[in-house]
N, C-alpha and C. Protein backbone atom coordinates (compact mmCIF):
# COMPACT_ATOMS: atom_id res chain seq x y z
N MET A 1 0.76 -0.83 -0.06
CA MET A 1 -0.05 -0.30 0.10
C MET A 1 0.98 1.44 0.12
N ARG A 2 0.10 2.20 -0.84
CA ARG A 2 1.52 3.82 -1.00
C ARG A 2 0.45 4.91 0.02
N TYR A 3 1.09 5.14 0.49
CA TYR A 3 0.46 6.61 1.19
C TYR A 3 1.18 7.84 1.11
N PHE A 4 0.35 9.15 1.00
CA PHE A 4 1.28 10.25 0.71
C PHE A 4 0.99 10.71 2.58
N ILE A 5 2.29 11.30 2.87
CA ILE A 5 2.28 12.23 3.95
C ILE A 5 2.37 13.70 4.10
N GLU A 6 1.66 14.10 4.56
CA GLU A 6 2.02 15.99 4.58
C GLU A 6 2.30 16.27 5.88
N PHE A 7 3.10 17.01 6.19
CA PHE A 7 4.07 17.56 7.17
C PHE A 7 4.48 18.84 6.90
N ALA A 8 5.21 19.31 7.86
CA ALA A 8 5.75 20.58 8.25
C ALA A 8 7.05 20.19 9.31
N TYR A 9 7.98 21.01 9.17
CA TYR A 9 9.36 21.15 10.07
C TYR A 9 10.01 22.45 10.23
N ASN A 10 10.63 22.35 11.41
CA ASN A 10 11.69 23.49 11.48
C ASN A 10 12.91 22.78 11.76
N GLY A 11 13.18 23.42 10.36
CA GLY A 11 14.68 22.84 9.78
C GLY A 11 16.28 23.25 10.94
N LYS A 12 15.66 23.57 11.86
CA LYS A 12 17.43 24.52 12.49
C LYS A 12 17.86 23.37 12.71
N MET A 13 17.13 22.08 13.21
CA MET A 13 17.90 21.27 13.66
C MET A 13 18.52 20.38 12.93
N TYR A 14 18.47 20.26 11.66
CA TYR A 14 18.55 19.53 10.44
C TYR A 14 19.44 20.02 9.94
N HIS A 15 20.28 19.28 8.92
CA HIS A 15 21.08 19.44 7.65
C HIS A 15 20.23 18.97 6.40
N GLY A 16 19.21 19.27 6.36
CA GLY A 16 18.37 19.44 5.27
C GLY A 16 17.17 18.63 5.68
N PHE A 17 16.74 17.83 4.04
CA PHE A 17 15.65 17.03 4.07
C PHE A 17 16.26 15.88 4.62
N GLN A 18 16.76 15.83 3.02
CA GLN A 18 17.71 14.38 2.61
C GLN A 18 18.60 13.75 3.80
N SER A 19 18.51 12.23 3.43
CA SER A 19 19.33 11.40 4.37
C SER A 19 20.58 11.68 4.14
N GLN A 20 21.68 11.89 4.73
CA GLN A 20 23.08 11.86 4.67
C GLN A 20 23.43 11.34 5.60
N PRO A 21 24.97 10.40 5.90
CA PRO A 21 25.65 10.05 6.30
C PRO A 21 26.44 11.10 7.30
N ASN A 22 26.26 10.85 8.55
CA ASN A 22 26.58 11.66 9.69
C ASN A 22 26.16 13.11 9.74
N ALA A 23 25.11 13.29 9.75
CA ALA A 23 23.97 14.44 10.06
C ALA A 23 22.55 14.15 10.15
N ALA A 24 22.13 14.75 10.74
CA ALA A 24 20.70 14.58 11.23
C ALA A 24 19.77 15.26 10.20
N SER A 25 18.94 14.33 9.56
CA SER A 25 18.31 14.95 8.73
C SER A 25 16.39 14.46 8.93
N VAL A 26 15.81 15.49 7.70
CA VAL A 26 14.08 15.40 8.87
C VAL A 26 13.80 13.63 7.78
N GLN A 27 14.48 13.83 6.68
CA GLN A 27 13.71 12.13 5.83
C GLN A 27 14.20 11.29 6.72
N GLU A 28 15.78 10.83 7.17
CA GLU A 28 16.17 9.91 8.52
C GLU A 28 14.84 9.93 9.56
N THR A 29 14.54 11.37 10.21
CA THR A 29 13.90 11.26 11.29
C THR A 29 12.58 10.33 11.10
N LEU A 30 11.89 10.73 9.96
CA LEU A 30 10.46 10.28 9.50
C LEU A 30 10.82 8.84 9.41
N GLU A 31 11.54 8.20 8.61
CA GLU A 31 11.93 7.29 8.31
C GLU A 31 12.20 6.07 9.17
N ASN A 32 12.74 6.60 10.43
CA ASN A 32 13.39 6.24 12.00
C ASN A 32 11.47 6.01 12.76
N ALA A 33 11.01 6.66 12.29
CA ALA A 33 9.58 6.70 13.49
C ALA A 33 8.96 5.88 12.55
N LEU A 34 8.60 5.89 11.46
CA LEU A 34 7.54 5.30 10.60
C LEU A 34 7.89 3.65 10.91
N SER A 35 9.46 3.40 10.71
CA SER A 35 9.75 2.12 10.87
C SER A 35 9.45 1.50 11.79
N VAL A 36 10.02 2.52 13.25
CA VAL A 36 9.39 1.85 14.45
C VAL A 36 8.26 1.26 14.79
N LEU A 37 6.82 2.65 14.74
CA LEU A 37 5.64 2.14 14.26
C LEU A 37 5.32 1.49 13.45
N LEU A 38 5.34 0.87 12.09
CA LEU A 38 5.07 -0.18 11.43
C LEU A 38 5.85 -1.40 11.74
N ARG A 39 6.94 -1.42 12.38
CA ARG A 39 7.73 -2.36 12.49
C ARG A 39 8.36 -3.14 11.37
N GLN A 40 8.66 -2.43 10.37
CA GLN A 40 9.15 -3.04 9.03
C GLN A 40 10.20 -1.47 8.77
N LYS A 41 11.16 -1.64 7.82
CA LYS A 41 11.71 -0.73 7.30
C LYS A 41 11.16 -0.18 6.59
N ILE A 42 11.07 1.41 6.64
CA ILE A 42 10.20 2.22 5.58
C ILE A 42 11.14 3.33 5.25
N ALA A 43 11.74 3.16 3.50
CA ALA A 43 12.10 4.85 3.14
C ALA A 43 10.65 5.56 2.40
N ILE A 44 11.38 6.56 2.55
CA ILE A 44 9.99 7.62 2.22
C ILE A 44 10.56 8.49 0.60
N VAL A 45 10.15 8.95 0.33
CA VAL A 45 10.74 9.97 -1.19
C VAL A 45 9.91 11.28 -0.81
N GLY A 46 10.23 11.81 -0.98
CA GLY A 46 10.23 13.32 -0.57
C GLY A 46 9.67 14.35 -2.26
N ALA A 47 8.75 15.54 -2.00
CA ALA A 47 8.28 15.66 -3.26
C ALA A 47 9.39 16.94 -3.73
N GLY A 48 10.26 16.89 -2.17
CA GLY A 48 11.84 17.51 -3.22
C GLY A 48 12.83 17.76 -2.05
N ARG A 49 13.73 18.65 -2.14
CA ARG A 49 14.83 18.57 -1.15
C ARG A 49 15.11 19.95 -0.62
N ASN A 50 15.44 20.85 0.30
CA ASN A 50 16.59 21.59 0.65
C ASN A 50 17.63 21.48 1.50
N ASP A 51 18.42 22.70 2.05
CA ASP A 51 19.81 22.61 2.65
C ASP A 51 19.40 23.13 4.31
N ALA A 52 20.33 22.91 4.94
CA ALA A 52 20.62 22.75 5.99
C ALA A 52 19.65 23.90 6.56
N GLY A 53 19.02 23.68 8.29
CA GLY A 53 18.59 25.27 8.35
C GLY A 53 16.70 25.31 7.78
N VAL A 54 16.72 24.35 6.56
CA VAL A 54 15.43 25.72 6.02
C VAL A 54 14.13 25.06 6.50
N HIS A 55 12.94 25.54 6.70
CA HIS A 55 11.91 25.08 7.10
C HIS A 55 11.05 24.84 6.10
N ALA A 56 10.00 24.25 6.31
CA ALA A 56 8.73 23.74 5.42
C ALA A 56 7.72 23.60 6.18
N ASN A 57 6.46 24.53 5.88
CA ASN A 57 5.15 24.44 6.37
C ASN A 57 4.69 23.66 5.46
N GLN A 58 4.72 23.23 4.72
CA GLN A 58 3.44 22.20 4.16
C GLN A 58 5.04 21.19 3.16
N MET A 59 5.08 20.15 3.39
CA MET A 59 5.98 19.13 2.10
C MET A 59 5.26 18.22 2.45
N PHE A 60 5.47 16.78 1.91
CA PHE A 60 4.53 15.56 0.72
C PHE A 60 5.84 14.71 0.53
N ALA A 61 5.30 13.57 0.83
CA ALA A 61 6.34 12.14 0.84
C ALA A 61 5.42 11.19 0.70
N LEU A 62 6.04 9.78 -0.08
CA LEU A 62 5.21 9.10 0.03
C LEU A 62 6.11 8.31 0.87
N PHE A 63 5.35 7.12 1.00
CA PHE A 63 5.55 5.44 1.46
C PHE A 63 5.05 4.32 1.54
N ASP A 64 6.05 3.12 1.57
CA ASP A 64 4.96 2.21 1.32
C ASP A 64 5.36 1.38 2.66
N THR A 65 4.01 0.72 2.83
CA THR A 65 4.16 -0.39 3.97
C THR A 65 3.32 -1.72 2.94
N GLU A 66 3.85 -2.74 3.87
CA GLU A 66 2.98 -4.23 3.31
C GLU A 66 1.95 -4.05 3.98
N ASN A 67 1.32 -3.52 4.94
CA ASN A 67 0.01 -3.81 6.02
C ASN A 67 -0.37 -2.13 5.84
N PRO A 68 -1.79 -2.41 5.36
CA PRO A 68 -2.83 -0.94 5.31
C PRO A 68 -3.02 -0.70 6.89
N ILE A 69 -2.62 0.96 6.60
CA ILE A 69 -3.26 1.46 7.97
C ILE A 69 -4.07 2.26 8.54
N GLU A 70 -4.15 2.75 9.30
CA GLU A 70 -5.41 3.54 9.75
C GLU A 70 -4.78 5.14 9.65
N PRO A 71 -5.01 6.21 8.15
CA PRO A 71 -4.27 7.09 8.66
C PRO A 71 -4.31 8.17 9.86
N SER A 72 -6.14 8.11 9.82
CA SER A 72 -5.79 9.15 11.04
C SER A 72 -5.02 8.69 12.47
N LYS A 73 -5.25 7.40 12.87
CA LYS A 73 -4.54 6.46 13.97
C LYS A 73 -2.92 6.60 13.94
N MET A 74 -2.36 6.77 12.61
CA MET A 74 -0.90 6.04 12.38
C MET A 74 -0.46 8.20 12.51
N VAL A 75 -1.43 9.58 11.99
CA VAL A 75 -1.09 10.63 12.41
C VAL A 75 -0.39 11.05 13.69
N SER A 76 -1.51 10.44 14.66
CA SER A 76 -1.79 10.72 16.44
C SER A 76 -0.82 10.23 16.67
N LYS A 77 -0.01 9.03 16.28
CA LYS A 77 1.13 8.09 16.84
C LYS A 77 2.26 8.88 16.71
N LEU A 78 2.30 9.19 14.77
CA LEU A 78 3.55 9.66 14.61
C LEU A 78 3.81 10.75 15.09
N ASN A 79 2.93 11.57 15.33
CA ASN A 79 2.91 12.71 15.85
C ASN A 79 3.43 13.00 17.35
N SER A 80 3.26 12.41 18.07
CA SER A 80 3.39 11.55 19.37
C SER A 80 4.75 11.10 19.72
N PHE A 81 5.30 10.05 18.74
CA PHE A 81 6.88 9.94 18.39
C PHE A 81 7.81 10.66 17.98
N LEU A 82 7.03 11.37 16.95
CA LEU A 82 8.29 12.61 16.68
C LEU A 82 8.73 13.71 17.14
N PRO A 83 9.79 14.49 17.33
CA PRO A 83 10.50 15.43 17.65
C PRO A 83 9.83 16.19 17.54
N LEU A 84 9.21 17.33 18.55
CA LEU A 84 8.83 19.03 17.96
C LEU A 84 9.27 19.66 17.01
N SER A 85 9.94 19.27 16.81
CA SER A 85 10.39 19.88 15.42
C SER A 85 9.79 19.52 13.95
N ILE A 86 9.31 18.48 14.06
CA ILE A 86 8.59 18.20 12.92
C ILE A 86 7.06 17.81 13.20
N VAL A 87 5.99 18.14 12.04
CA VAL A 87 4.65 18.04 12.71
C VAL A 87 3.98 17.29 11.44
N ILE A 88 3.46 16.02 11.73
CA ILE A 88 2.15 15.61 10.50
C ILE A 88 1.00 16.25 10.47
N TYR A 89 0.31 16.80 9.08
CA TYR A 89 -0.74 16.80 9.52
C TYR A 89 -1.54 15.72 8.57
N ARG A 90 -1.25 15.16 7.77
CA ARG A 90 -2.45 14.14 7.49
C ARG A 90 -1.31 12.89 6.63
N ILE A 91 -1.92 11.83 6.56
CA ILE A 91 -1.38 10.47 5.79
C ILE A 91 -3.02 10.04 4.66
N ILE A 92 -2.73 9.74 3.40
CA ILE A 92 -3.34 9.66 2.81
C ILE A 92 -3.17 8.82 1.98
N ALA A 93 -4.30 7.58 1.78
CA ALA A 93 -4.04 6.91 0.88
C ALA A 93 -3.78 7.07 -0.74
N VAL A 94 -3.47 6.51 -1.30
CA VAL A 94 -3.04 6.88 -3.00
C VAL A 94 -2.91 5.76 -3.86
N GLU A 95 -3.23 5.38 -5.06
CA GLU A 95 -2.57 4.49 -6.26
C GLU A 95 -1.30 4.05 -6.10
N ASN A 96 -0.87 3.15 -6.34
CA ASN A 96 0.76 2.91 -6.07
C ASN A 96 1.44 3.52 -7.50
N GLU A 97 0.86 4.15 -8.55
CA GLU A 97 1.69 4.44 -9.12
C GLU A 97 2.01 6.22 -8.82
N ALA A 98 1.44 6.61 -7.84
CA ALA A 98 1.46 8.15 -7.21
C ALA A 98 2.49 8.53 -6.84
N HIS A 99 3.21 9.51 -7.44
CA HIS A 99 4.49 10.09 -6.94
C HIS A 99 4.68 11.27 -6.29
N ALA A 100 5.73 11.76 -4.91
CA ALA A 100 5.95 12.82 -4.42
C ALA A 100 6.04 13.52 -5.15
N ARG A 101 6.90 13.50 -5.72
CA ARG A 101 8.25 14.16 -6.37
C ARG A 101 7.44 14.39 -7.48
N PHE A 102 6.78 13.38 -8.77
CA PHE A 102 6.85 13.52 -10.02
C PHE A 102 5.54 14.05 -10.42
N ASP A 103 4.56 14.07 -9.09
CA ASP A 103 3.45 14.37 -9.46
C ASP A 103 2.70 15.59 -8.59
N ALA A 104 3.80 16.41 -7.78
CA ALA A 104 3.68 17.55 -7.86
C ALA A 104 2.92 18.69 -8.76
N VAL A 105 2.05 19.50 -8.34
CA VAL A 105 1.87 20.23 -9.21
C VAL A 105 2.35 21.78 -9.48
N ALA A 106 2.72 21.96 -8.26
CA ALA A 106 3.83 23.64 -7.62
C ALA A 106 4.40 23.31 -6.56
N ARG A 107 5.64 23.80 -6.44
CA ARG A 107 6.45 24.73 -5.08
C ARG A 107 6.68 25.93 -5.05
N THR A 108 6.72 26.22 -3.68
CA THR A 108 6.43 28.17 -3.77
C THR A 108 7.57 28.01 -2.32
N TYR A 109 8.44 29.01 -2.84
CA TYR A 109 9.27 28.96 -1.45
C TYR A 109 9.36 30.53 -1.36
N HIS A 110 9.27 30.56 0.19
CA HIS A 110 9.26 31.87 0.53
C HIS A 110 10.77 32.60 1.34
N TYR A 111 11.65 33.46 1.10
CA TYR A 111 12.37 34.21 1.50
C TYR A 111 12.23 35.43 2.38
N PHE A 112 12.49 35.35 3.43
CA PHE A 112 12.44 36.46 4.71
C PHE A 112 14.03 37.31 4.85
N ILE A 113 13.42 38.42 4.61
CA ILE A 113 14.68 39.20 5.45
C ILE A 113 14.16 40.39 6.43
N HIS A 114 15.44 40.42 7.30
CA HIS A 114 14.85 41.30 8.08
C HIS A 114 15.52 42.54 7.99
N THR A 115 15.82 44.01 8.04
CA THR A 115 16.96 45.19 8.50
C THR A 115 17.24 45.54 9.87
N TYR A 116 17.13 44.81 10.37
CA TYR A 116 16.77 45.83 11.60
C TYR A 116 17.36 44.20 12.55
N LYS A 117 18.01 44.54 13.95
CA LYS A 117 18.08 43.28 14.74
C LYS A 117 17.09 42.92 15.45
N ASP A 118 17.01 41.81 15.61
CA ASP A 118 15.24 40.96 15.87
C ASP A 118 15.82 39.54 16.78
N ALA A 119 16.20 39.72 18.25
CA ALA A 119 16.33 38.10 18.08
C ALA A 119 14.94 36.87 18.26
N PHE A 120 14.21 37.66 17.93
CA PHE A 120 13.23 36.68 17.48
C PHE A 120 12.80 36.08 15.99
N LEU A 121 13.62 37.17 15.02
CA LEU A 121 13.83 36.68 13.86
C LEU A 121 14.57 35.66 13.25
N ASN A 122 15.88 35.43 13.99
CA ASN A 122 16.72 35.48 13.48
C ASN A 122 16.60 33.80 13.06
N ASP A 123 15.91 32.94 13.65
CA ASP A 123 15.90 31.51 13.51
C ASP A 123 15.18 31.24 11.98
N LEU A 124 13.81 32.46 11.54
CA LEU A 124 13.20 32.27 10.71
C LEU A 124 13.34 33.40 9.43
N SER A 125 14.55 34.37 9.62
CA SER A 125 14.72 34.95 8.88
C SER A 125 15.79 35.32 8.16
N TRP A 126 16.62 36.30 7.57
CA TRP A 126 17.75 36.28 7.08
C TRP A 126 18.37 38.09 7.34
N HIS A 127 18.99 38.36 8.16
CA HIS A 127 19.23 39.42 8.90
C HIS A 127 20.48 40.12 7.71
N TYR A 128 19.68 41.28 7.41
CA TYR A 128 20.51 42.33 6.14
C TYR A 128 20.77 43.69 7.05
N SER A 129 21.81 43.84 7.17
CA SER A 129 22.05 44.88 7.68
C SER A 129 21.88 46.32 7.33
N GLN A 130 22.14 46.17 5.82
CA GLN A 130 22.40 47.42 5.27
C GLN A 130 21.26 48.02 4.93
N LYS A 131 21.01 49.06 4.30
CA LYS A 131 19.74 49.74 3.45
C LYS A 131 19.52 49.03 2.26
N ILE A 132 18.22 48.36 1.80
CA ILE A 132 18.09 48.08 0.60
C ILE A 132 17.62 49.39 -0.04
N ASP A 133 17.89 49.37 -1.84
CA ASP A 133 17.98 50.15 -2.77
C ASP A 133 16.40 49.80 -3.10
N LEU A 134 15.04 49.91 -2.85
CA LEU A 134 14.35 49.31 -3.68
C LEU A 134 14.05 49.49 -5.45
N GLU A 135 14.54 50.88 -5.37
CA GLU A 135 14.98 51.42 -7.11
C GLU A 135 15.74 50.20 -7.55
N LYS A 136 16.72 50.08 -7.17
CA LYS A 136 17.62 48.89 -8.20
C LYS A 136 17.03 47.11 -8.31
N MET A 137 16.15 47.40 -7.83
CA MET A 137 15.56 46.00 -7.69
C MET A 137 14.31 45.80 -8.68
N ASN A 138 14.18 44.42 -8.66
CA ASN A 138 13.03 43.93 -9.85
C ASN A 138 11.83 44.17 -9.20
N GLU A 139 10.90 43.96 -10.18
CA GLU A 139 9.52 43.87 -9.65
C GLU A 139 9.17 42.52 -8.67
N ALA A 140 9.18 41.63 -8.83
CA ALA A 140 9.30 40.38 -8.23
C ALA A 140 9.84 40.90 -6.59
N SER A 141 11.37 41.55 -6.71
CA SER A 141 11.90 41.17 -5.13
C SER A 141 11.20 42.07 -5.17
N LYS A 142 10.88 43.66 -5.13
CA LYS A 142 9.84 44.15 -4.53
C LYS A 142 8.68 43.62 -3.85
N ILE A 143 8.44 42.81 -4.63
CA ILE A 143 6.80 42.45 -4.08
C ILE A 143 6.68 41.18 -2.89
N LEU A 144 7.99 40.26 -3.16
CA LEU A 144 8.59 39.62 -1.74
C LEU A 144 8.55 40.33 -0.64
N LEU A 145 9.71 41.12 -0.79
CA LEU A 145 9.56 42.39 0.58
C LEU A 145 8.27 43.25 0.37
N GLN A 146 7.35 43.20 0.60
CA GLN A 146 6.71 43.52 1.26
C GLN A 146 5.52 42.63 1.65
N TYR A 147 6.13 41.29 1.58
CA TYR A 147 4.84 40.37 1.92
C TYR A 147 5.19 40.35 3.23
């Protein structure tokens, strides 16, 4: 059986989404939790990947399991088992041909910049201490700054 998992994470503690040797990743953390709860080796395939320290407020991945699961119960179990930095929103049963990466219809990235020192924004935004010259920026960049 194939399932999509919808989740979010604070990437501060991770060296990106994708598993890698000698570094904590979101993928590895999810795979370990699913493997323990489902009592079988689980591999997930993400809709994308990102760099160290990057957060995701909505991400999708797929996993296959030999036995059917009750998605709402598994969401609750996973959320109680995972660290606070990862939250599971939904698990959805899908056709075996469905693919989290290749069937994705859109990807959106948000980049946040703050131009003043702020103790609460440092983990969520990039601190750029110089004045931003809006006249020299293209229209797309100006729109992002207004967000």
